[in-house]
Structures are given as C-alpha cells and as structure tokens.
Amino acid sequence: MKIKKNMAIGTRIKQLRLSKNLSQKQLAKILHTTNSSICDWECGRTLPKITYLIAIANFFNVTADFLLGIN
C-alpha cells in the first residue's frame, strides 16, 4: 500500500482500515470505541486520544510516528 507522506492522520487510518477490508463499525469494535469516533477521526473532525493512537498503531503494525506523519 502506498501512502503519501503529507496525509492527515485520519486519511492514514482510513487507508489502513480499508487495506484490511474493515468497516468503521468493525474497527470500532476492535478498538473498543464507537463507529462515530472512527468516522470523526477519518473525516478530520477530531483526533484520536493517545491510547487509541497506540492501539491503532499496534493493530495495523505501524508506528505512531507513521500515523502522525513523522519521519
């Protein structure tokens, strides 16, 4: 999967989610949150709390730096 460096965190989360063929509802269940939270993150309305950032990174086997766009 090719992800651009300047993408917002929400876009990265969405692309990672889609790469695993997961719905927002399925990812929400995995992360123990709501699908509206996933939607808000992906649409850029809110940012995930640090605990969710770590859970997202662990689930998708990426670093928090990657999610945040840090080299």
PDB file of N, CA and C in Angstrom:
ATOM      1  N   MET A   1       0.849  -1.169   0.000  1.00  0.00           N
ATOM      2  CA  MET A   1       0.000   0.000   0.000  1.00  0.00           C
ATOM      3  C   MET A   1       0.896   1.234   0.000  1.00  0.00           C
ATOM      4  N   LYS A   2       0.582   2.171  -0.865  1.00  0.00           N
ATOM      5  CA  LYS A   2       1.354   3.408  -0.947  1.00  0.00           C
ATOM      6  C   LYS A   2       0.572   4.527  -0.282  1.00  0.00           C
ATOM      7  N   ILE A   3       1.183   5.149   0.734  1.00  0.00           N
ATOM      8  CA  ILE A   3       0.538   6.250   1.445  1.00  0.00           C
ATOM      9  C   ILE A   3       1.454   7.465   1.355  1.00  0.00           C
ATOM     10  N   LYS A   4       0.882   8.582   0.965  1.00  0.00           N
ATOM     11  CA  LYS A   4       1.656   9.812   0.827  1.00  0.00           C
ATOM     12  C   LYS A   4       2.110  10.319   2.183  1.00  0.00           C
ATOM     13  N   LYS A   5       3.261  10.980   2.214  1.00  0.00           N
ATOM     14  CA  LYS A   5       3.836  11.469   3.461  1.00  0.00           C
ATOM     15  C   LYS A   5       3.039  12.595   4.092  1.00  0.00           C
ATOM     16  N   ASN A   6       2.364  13.408   3.315  1.00  0.00           N
ATOM     17  CA  ASN A   6       1.700  14.594   3.854  1.00  0.00           C
ATOM     18  C   ASN A   6       0.235  14.355   4.209  1.00  0.00           C
ATOM     19  N   MET A   7      -0.186  13.118   4.283  1.00  0.00           N
ATOM     20  CA  MET A   7      -1.574  12.804   4.604  1.00  0.00           C
ATOM     21  C   MET A   7      -1.884  13.094   6.061  1.00  0.00           C
ATOM     22  N   ALA A   8      -3.104  13.482   6.304  1.00  0.00           N
ATOM     23  CA  ALA A   8      -3.574  13.676   7.668  1.00  0.00           C
ATOM     24  C   ALA A   8      -3.751  12.314   8.322  1.00  0.00           C
ATOM     25  N   ILE A   9      -3.715  12.301   9.644  1.00  0.00           N
ATOM     26  CA  ILE A   9      -3.847  11.055  10.389  1.00  0.00           C
ATOM     27  C   ILE A   9      -5.143  10.321  10.039  1.00  0.00           C
ATOM     28  N   GLY A  10      -6.222  11.045   9.858  1.00  0.00           N
ATOM     29  CA  GLY A  10      -7.494  10.421   9.529  1.00  0.00           C
ATOM     30  C   GLY A  10      -7.452   9.674   8.212  1.00  0.00           C
ATOM     31  N   THR A  11      -6.788  10.244   7.243  1.00  0.00           N
ATOM     32  CA  THR A  11      -6.648   9.600   5.947  1.00  0.00           C
ATOM     33  C   THR A  11      -5.811   8.338   6.070  1.00  0.00           C
ATOM     34  N   ARG A  12      -4.769   8.396   6.889  1.00  0.00           N
ATOM     35  CA  ARG A  12      -3.935   7.206   7.107  1.00  0.00           C
ATOM     36  C   ARG A  12      -4.753   6.099   7.769  1.00  0.00           C
ATOM     37  N   ILE A  13      -5.529   6.468   8.782  1.00  0.00           N
ATOM     38  CA  ILE A  13      -6.362   5.474   9.465  1.00  0.00           C
ATOM     39  C   ILE A  13      -7.342   4.845   8.476  1.00  0.00           C
ATOM     40  N   LYS A  14      -7.966   5.675   7.667  1.00  0.00           N
ATOM     41  CA  LYS A  14      -8.938   5.166   6.695  1.00  0.00           C
ATOM     42  C   LYS A  14      -8.287   4.214   5.710  1.00  0.00           C
ATOM     43  N   GLN A  15      -7.144   4.578   5.165  1.00  0.00           N
ATOM     44  CA  GLN A  15      -6.483   3.712   4.194  1.00  0.00           C
ATOM     45  C   GLN A  15      -6.034   2.401   4.834  1.00  0.00           C
ATOM     46  N   LEU A  16      -5.545   2.470   6.070  1.00  0.00           N
ATOM     47  CA  LEU A  16      -5.164   1.243   6.767  1.00  0.00           C
ATOM     48  C   LEU A  16      -6.384   0.361   7.014  1.00  0.00           C
ATOM     49  N   ARG A  17      -7.478   0.977   7.431  1.00  0.00           N
ATOM     50  CA  ARG A  17      -8.723   0.237   7.675  1.00  0.00           C
ATOM     51  C   ARG A  17      -9.203  -0.440   6.396  1.00  0.00           C
ATOM     52  N   LEU A  18      -9.219   0.301   5.308  1.00  0.00           N
ATOM     53  CA  LEU A  18      -9.674  -0.253   4.034  1.00  0.00           C
ATOM     54  C   LEU A  18      -8.737  -1.345   3.524  1.00  0.00           C
ATOM     55  N   SER A  19      -7.452  -1.232   3.827  1.00  0.00           N
ATOM     56  CA  SER A  19      -6.495  -2.259   3.387  1.00  0.00           C
ATOM     57  C   SER A  19      -6.778  -3.607   4.043  1.00  0.00           C
ATOM     58  N   LYS A  20      -7.453  -3.579   5.185  1.00  0.00           N
ATOM     59  CA  LYS A  20      -7.838  -4.815   5.884  1.00  0.00           C
ATOM     60  C   LYS A  20      -9.312  -5.155   5.632  1.00  0.00           C
ATOM     61  N   ASN A  21      -9.940  -4.424   4.718  1.00  0.00           N
ATOM     62  CA  ASN A  21     -11.358  -4.634   4.389  1.00  0.00           C
ATOM     63  C   ASN A  21     -12.255  -4.591   5.618  1.00  0.00           C
ATOM     64  N   LEU A  22     -12.005  -3.621   6.482  1.00  0.00           N
ATOM     65  CA  LEU A  22     -12.802  -3.441   7.690  1.00  0.00           C
ATOM     66  C   LEU A  22     -13.754  -2.263   7.525  1.00  0.00           C
ATOM     67  N   SER A  23     -14.936  -2.386   8.077  1.00  0.00           N
ATOM     68  CA  SER A  23     -15.851  -1.244   8.135  1.00  0.00           C
ATOM     69  C   SER A  23     -15.466  -0.397   9.348  1.00  0.00           C
ATOM     70  N   GLN A  24     -16.007   0.799   9.399  1.00  0.00           N
ATOM     71  CA  GLN A  24     -15.773   1.643  10.574  1.00  0.00           C
ATOM     72  C   GLN A  24     -16.313   0.956  11.821  1.00  0.00           C
ATOM     73  N   LYS A  25     -17.448   0.308  11.691  1.00  0.00           N
ATOM     74  CA  LYS A  25     -18.060  -0.388  12.820  1.00  0.00           C
ATOM     75  C   LYS A  25     -17.172  -1.533  13.311  1.00  0.00           C
ATOM     76  N   GLN A  26     -16.587  -2.278  12.379  1.00  0.00           N
ATOM     77  CA  GLN A  26     -15.704  -3.382  12.766  1.00  0.00           C
ATOM     78  C   GLN A  26     -14.451  -2.863  13.477  1.00  0.00           C
ATOM     79  N   LEU A  27     -13.856  -1.804  12.949  1.00  0.00           N
ATOM     80  CA  LEU A  27     -12.669  -1.247  13.587  1.00  0.00           C
ATOM     81  C   LEU A  27     -13.017  -0.691  14.958  1.00  0.00           C
ATOM     82  N   ALA A  28     -14.155  -0.052  15.064  1.00  0.00           N
ATOM     83  CA  ALA A  28     -14.595   0.486  16.354  1.00  0.00           C
ATOM     84  C   ALA A  28     -14.712  -0.627  17.390  1.00  0.00           C
ATOM     85  N   LYS A  29     -15.254  -1.760  16.987  1.00  0.00           N
ATOM     86  CA  LYS A  29     -15.398  -2.888  17.914  1.00  0.00           C
ATOM     87  C   LYS A  29     -14.024  -3.402  18.350  1.00  0.00           C
ATOM     88  N   ILE A  30     -13.100  -3.494  17.425  1.00  0.00           N
ATOM     89  CA  ILE A  30     -11.742  -3.951  17.729  1.00  0.00           C
ATOM     90  C   ILE A  30     -11.063  -3.009  18.718  1.00  0.00           C
ATOM     91  N   LEU A  31     -11.266  -1.691  18.521  1.00  0.00           N
ATOM     92  CA  LEU A  31     -10.606  -0.684  19.359  1.00  0.00           C
ATOM     93  C   LEU A  31     -11.412  -0.316  20.604  1.00  0.00           C
ATOM     94  N   HIS A  32     -12.589  -0.930  20.759  1.00  0.00           N
ATOM     95  CA  HIS A  32     -13.464  -0.642  21.909  1.00  0.00           C
ATOM     96  C   HIS A  32     -13.857   0.834  21.962  1.00  0.00           C
ATOM     97  N   THR A  33     -14.338   1.309  20.829  1.00  0.00           N
ATOM     98  CA  THR A  33     -14.837   2.678  20.726  1.00  0.00           C
ATOM     99  C   THR A  33     -16.086   2.644  19.847  1.00  0.00           C
ATOM    100  N   THR A  34     -16.559   3.796  19.431  1.00  0.00           N
ATOM    101  CA  THR A  34     -17.767   3.858  18.602  1.00  0.00           C
ATOM    102  C   THR A  34     -17.404   4.083  17.143  1.00  0.00           C
ATOM    103  N   ASN A  35     -18.310   3.663  16.256  1.00  0.00           N
ATOM    104  CA  ASN A  35     -18.044   3.911  14.839  1.00  0.00           C
ATOM    105  C   ASN A  35     -18.113   5.405  14.523  1.00  0.00           C
ATOM    106  N   SER A  36     -18.845   6.178  15.317  1.00  0.00           N
ATOM    107  CA  SER A  36     -18.853   7.627  15.087  1.00  0.00           C
ATOM    108  C   SER A  36     -17.488   8.237  15.428  1.00  0.00           C
ATOM    109  N   SER A  37     -16.786   7.665  16.389  1.00  0.00           N
ATOM    110  CA  SER A  37     -15.420   8.137  16.685  1.00  0.00           C
ATOM    111  C   SER A  37     -14.495   7.860  15.506  1.00  0.00           C
ATOM    112  N   ILE A  38     -14.599   6.669  14.944  1.00  0.00           N
ATOM    113  CA  ILE A  38     -13.778   6.321  13.775  1.00  0.00           C
ATOM    114  C   ILE A  38     -14.079   7.286  12.636  1.00  0.00           C
ATOM    115  N   CYS A  39     -15.352   7.544  12.400  1.00  0.00           N
ATOM    116  CA  CYS A  39     -15.764   8.477  11.352  1.00  0.00           C
ATOM    117  C   CYS A  39     -15.198   9.877  11.607  1.00  0.00           C
ATOM    118  N   ASP A  40     -15.294  10.340  12.849  1.00  0.00           N
ATOM    119  CA  ASP A  40     -14.765  11.664  13.200  1.00  0.00           C
ATOM    120  C   ASP A  40     -13.262  11.745  12.968  1.00  0.00           C
ATOM    121  N   TRP A  41     -12.533  10.685  13.305  1.00  0.00           N
ATOM    122  CA  TRP A  41     -11.081  10.681  13.074  1.00  0.00           C
ATOM    123  C   TRP A  41     -10.787  10.729  11.584  1.00  0.00           C
ATOM    124  N   GLU A  42     -11.469   9.864  10.826  1.00  0.00           N
ATOM    125  CA  GLU A  42     -11.198   9.775   9.396  1.00  0.00           C
ATOM    126  C   GLU A  42     -11.594  11.052   8.648  1.00  0.00           C
ATOM    127  N   CYS A  43     -12.616  11.734   9.125  1.00  0.00           N
ATOM    128  CA  CYS A  43     -13.067  12.974   8.480  1.00  0.00           C
ATOM    129  C   CYS A  43     -12.314  14.202   8.980  1.00  0.00           C
ATOM    130  N   GLY A  44     -11.456  14.022   9.978  1.00  0.00           N
ATOM    131  CA  GLY A  44     -10.657  15.127  10.497  1.00  0.00           C
ATOM    132  C   GLY A  44     -11.404  16.033  11.457  1.00  0.00           C
ATOM    133  N   ARG A  45     -12.558  15.603  11.953  1.00  0.00           N
ATOM    134  CA  ARG A  45     -13.306  16.421  12.916  1.00  0.00           C
ATOM    135  C   ARG A  45     -12.667  16.373  14.303  1.00  0.00           C
ATOM    136  N   THR A  46     -12.106  15.210  14.645  1.00  0.00           N
ATOM    137  CA  THR A  46     -11.402  15.056  15.917  1.00  0.00           C
ATOM    138  C   THR A  46     -10.161  14.207  15.679  1.00  0.00           C
ATOM    139  N   LEU A  47      -9.303  14.160  16.683  1.00  0.00           N
ATOM    140  CA  LEU A  47      -8.115  13.317  16.645  1.00  0.00           C
ATOM    141  C   LEU A  47      -8.251  12.232  17.701  1.00  0.00           C
ATOM    142  N   PRO A  48      -7.690  11.053  17.431  1.00  0.00           N
ATOM    143  CA  PRO A  48      -7.758  10.007  18.449  1.00  0.00           C
ATOM    144  C   PRO A  48      -6.899  10.358  19.658  1.00  0.00           C
ATOM    145  N   LYS A  49      -7.387   9.967  20.849  1.00  0.00           N
ATOM    146  CA  LYS A  49      -6.590  10.126  22.064  1.00  0.00           C
ATOM    147  C   LYS A  49      -5.367   9.240  21.952  1.00  0.00           C
ATOM    148  N   ILE A  50      -4.348   9.542  22.740  1.00  0.00           N
ATOM    149  CA  ILE A  50      -3.075   8.821  22.662  1.00  0.00           C
ATOM    150  C   ILE A  50      -3.261   7.319  22.867  1.00  0.00           C
ATOM    151  N   THR A  51      -4.169   6.920  23.743  1.00  0.00           N
ATOM    152  CA  THR A  51      -4.388   5.481  23.967  1.00  0.00           C
ATOM    153  C   THR A  51      -4.919   4.810  22.709  1.00  0.00           C
ATOM    154  N   TYR A  52      -5.767   5.497  21.975  1.00  0.00           N
ATOM    155  CA  TYR A  52      -6.269   4.946  20.721  1.00  0.00           C
ATOM    156  C   TYR A  52      -5.193   4.980  19.639  1.00  0.00           C
ATOM    157  N   LEU A  53      -4.377   6.003  19.649  1.00  0.00           N
ATOM    158  CA  LEU A  53      -3.285   6.101  18.683  1.00  0.00           C
ATOM    159  C   LEU A  53      -2.370   4.886  18.815  1.00  0.00           C
ATOM    160  N   ILE A  54      -2.057   4.516  20.050  1.00  0.00           N
ATOM    161  CA  ILE A  54      -1.207   3.351  20.299  1.00  0.00           C
ATOM    162  C   ILE A  54      -1.921   2.072  19.857  1.00  0.00           C
ATOM    163  N   ALA A  55      -3.203   1.955  20.181  1.00  0.00           N
ATOM    164  CA  ALA A  55      -3.970   0.766  19.796  1.00  0.00           C
ATOM    165  C   ALA A  55      -4.062   0.634  18.277  1.00  0.00           C
ATOM    166  N   ILE A  56      -4.264   1.746  17.590  1.00  0.00           N
ATOM    167  CA  ILE A  56      -4.342   1.743  16.126  1.00  0.00           C
ATOM    168  C   ILE A  56      -2.999   1.305  15.539  1.00  0.00           C
ATOM    169  N   ALA A  57      -1.929   1.882  16.051  1.00  0.00           N
ATOM    170  CA  ALA A  57      -0.587   1.532  15.561  1.00  0.00           C
ATOM    171  C   ALA A  57      -0.307   0.047  15.780  1.00  0.00           C
ATOM    172  N   ASN A  58      -0.629  -0.458  16.956  1.00  0.00           N
ATOM    173  CA  ASN A  58      -0.399  -1.876  17.243  1.00  0.00           C
ATOM    174  C   ASN A  58      -1.243  -2.770  16.351  1.00  0.00           C
ATOM    175  N   PHE A  59      -2.507  -2.437  16.189  1.00  0.00           N
ATOM    176  CA  PHE A  59      -3.397  -3.272  15.385  1.00  0.00           C
ATOM    177  C   PHE A  59      -2.918  -3.359  13.939  1.00  0.00           C
ATOM    178  N   PHE A  60      -2.524  -2.224  13.361  1.00  0.00           N
ATOM    179  CA  PHE A  60      -2.117  -2.202  11.962  1.00  0.00           C
ATOM    180  C   PHE A  60      -0.624  -2.453  11.774  1.00  0.00           C
ATOM    181  N   ASN A  61       0.083  -2.695  12.882  1.00  0.00           N
ATOM    182  CA  ASN A  61       1.514  -2.976  12.836  1.00  0.00           C
ATOM    183  C   ASN A  61       2.308  -1.850  12.159  1.00  0.00           C
ATOM    184  N   VAL A  62       1.986  -0.628  12.552  1.00  0.00           N
ATOM    185  CA  VAL A  62       2.714   0.560  12.107  1.00  0.00           C
ATOM    186  C   VAL A  62       3.138   1.329  13.354  1.00  0.00           C
ATOM    187  N   THR A  63       3.950   2.343  13.177  1.00  0.00           N
ATOM    188  CA  THR A  63       4.366   3.155  14.318  1.00  0.00           C
ATOM    189  C   THR A  63       3.431   4.346  14.492  1.00  0.00           C
ATOM    190  N   ALA A  64       3.418   4.876  15.700  1.00  0.00           N
ATOM    191  CA  ALA A  64       2.665   6.105  15.950  1.00  0.00           C
ATOM    192  C   ALA A  64       3.250   7.236  15.105  1.00  0.00           C
ATOM    193  N   ASP A  65       4.555   7.231  14.923  1.00  0.00           N
ATOM    194  CA  ASP A  65       5.191   8.229  14.064  1.00  0.00           C
ATOM    195  C   ASP A  65       4.623   8.175  12.653  1.00  0.00           C
ATOM    196  N   PHE A  66       4.427   6.983  12.127  1.00  0.00           N
ATOM    197  CA  PHE A  66       3.850   6.833  10.790  1.00  0.00           C
ATOM    198  C   PHE A  66       2.455   7.448  10.751  1.00  0.00           C
ATOM    199  N   LEU A  67       1.624   7.109  11.758  1.00  0.00           N
ATOM    200  CA  LEU A  67       0.268   7.653  11.797  1.00  0.00           C
ATOM    201  C   LEU A  67       0.273   9.179  11.842  1.00  0.00           C
ATOM    202  N   LEU A  68       1.240   9.729  12.572  1.00  0.00           N
ATOM    203  CA  LEU A  68       1.317  11.181  12.739  1.00  0.00           C
ATOM    204  C   LEU A  68       2.061  11.868  11.586  1.00  0.00           C
ATOM    205  N   GLY A  69       2.640  11.076  10.707  1.00  0.00           N
ATOM    206  CA  GLY A  69       3.366  11.651   9.562  1.00  0.00           C
ATOM    207  C   GLY A  69       4.748  12.148   9.925  1.00  0.00           C
ATOM    208  N   ILE A  70       5.322  11.576  10.967  1.00  0.00           N
ATOM    209  CA  ILE A  70       6.674  11.972  11.413  1.00  0.00           C
ATOM    210  C   ILE A  70       7.684  11.045  10.793  1.00  0.00           C
ATOM    211  N   ASN A  71       8.730  11.624  10.230  1.00  0.00           N
ATOM    212  CA  ASN A  71       9.807  10.807   9.637  1.00  0.00           C
ATOM    213  C   ASN A  71      10.776  10.357  10.685  1.00  0.00           C
TER     214      ASN A  71
END
